[in-house]
């Protein structure tokens, strides 16, 4: 009986890991598409990015 519980537990763990891996792959694809769009529209201003990350300091 203990072996069956361990087997079901391991199947559950594998299913969770596969779901997490699928989510990461999907997120990577979304980021890649957005990066391609940004590249097509011109370069990114790092001054603007720094301003967004650390604030304006005005």
Protein backbone atom coordinates (compact mmCIF):
# COMPACT_ATOMS: atom_id res chain seq x y z
CA UNK A 1 0.00 0.00 0.00
CA UNK A 2 2.85 2.34 0.81
CA UNK A 3 4.30 1.79 -2.66
CA UNK A 4 1.03 2.83 -4.30
CA UNK A 5 0.92 6.04 -2.27
CA UNK A 6 4.55 6.81 -3.20
CA UNK A 7 3.76 6.14 -6.87
CA UNK A 8 0.74 8.47 -6.85
CA UNK A 9 2.75 11.11 -4.97
CA UNK A 10 5.54 10.92 -7.56
CA UNK A 11 3.02 11.19 -10.43
CA UNK A 12 1.53 14.26 -8.78
CA UNK A 13 5.00 15.79 -8.38
CA UNK A 14 5.87 15.09 -12.03
CA UNK A 15 2.59 16.67 -13.16
CA UNK A 16 3.30 19.81 -11.09
CA UNK A 17 6.83 20.06 -12.51
CA UNK A 18 5.61 19.61 -16.08
CA UNK A 19 3.03 22.35 -15.56
CA UNK A 20 5.66 24.69 -14.15
CA UNK A 21 8.02 23.93 -17.02
CA UNK A 22 5.24 24.58 -19.55
CA UNK A 23 4.47 27.90 -17.92
CA UNK A 24 8.14 28.91 -18.06
CA UNK A 25 8.36 27.97 -21.74
CA UNK A 26 5.22 29.98 -22.49
CA UNK A 27 6.52 32.99 -20.56
CA UNK A 28 9.84 32.80 -22.41
CA UNK A 29 7.98 32.81 -25.73
CA UNK A 30 5.96 35.87 -24.70
CA UNK A 31 9.10 37.74 -23.65
CA UNK A 32 10.82 36.79 -26.91
CA UNK A 33 7.89 38.11 -28.98
CA UNK A 34 7.82 41.36 -27.03
CA UNK A 35 11.59 41.75 -27.42
CA UNK A 36 11.27 41.25 -31.17
CA UNK A 37 8.54 43.91 -31.33
CA UNK A 38 10.63 46.34 -29.28
CA UNK A 39 13.63 45.71 -31.51
CA UNK A 40 11.56 46.43 -34.62
CA UNK A 41 10.36 49.73 -33.16
CA UNK A 42 13.85 50.92 -32.36
CA UNK A 43 16.26 50.74 -29.49
CA UNK A 44 15.34 51.09 -25.88
CA UNK A 45 16.38 54.14 -23.94
CA UNK A 46 18.33 52.95 -20.91
CA UNK A 47 17.97 56.42 -19.42
CA UNK A 48 14.21 55.93 -19.50
CA UNK A 49 14.55 52.41 -18.03
CA UNK A 50 16.76 53.64 -15.19
CA UNK A 51 14.27 56.43 -14.51
CA UNK A 52 11.47 53.83 -14.26
CA UNK A 53 13.48 51.50 -12.00
CA UNK A 54 15.01 53.94 -9.53
CA UNK A 55 12.70 56.93 -9.84
CA UNK A 56 13.15 60.41 -11.18
CA UNK A 57 14.88 62.07 -8.30
CA UNK A 58 13.24 65.38 -9.21
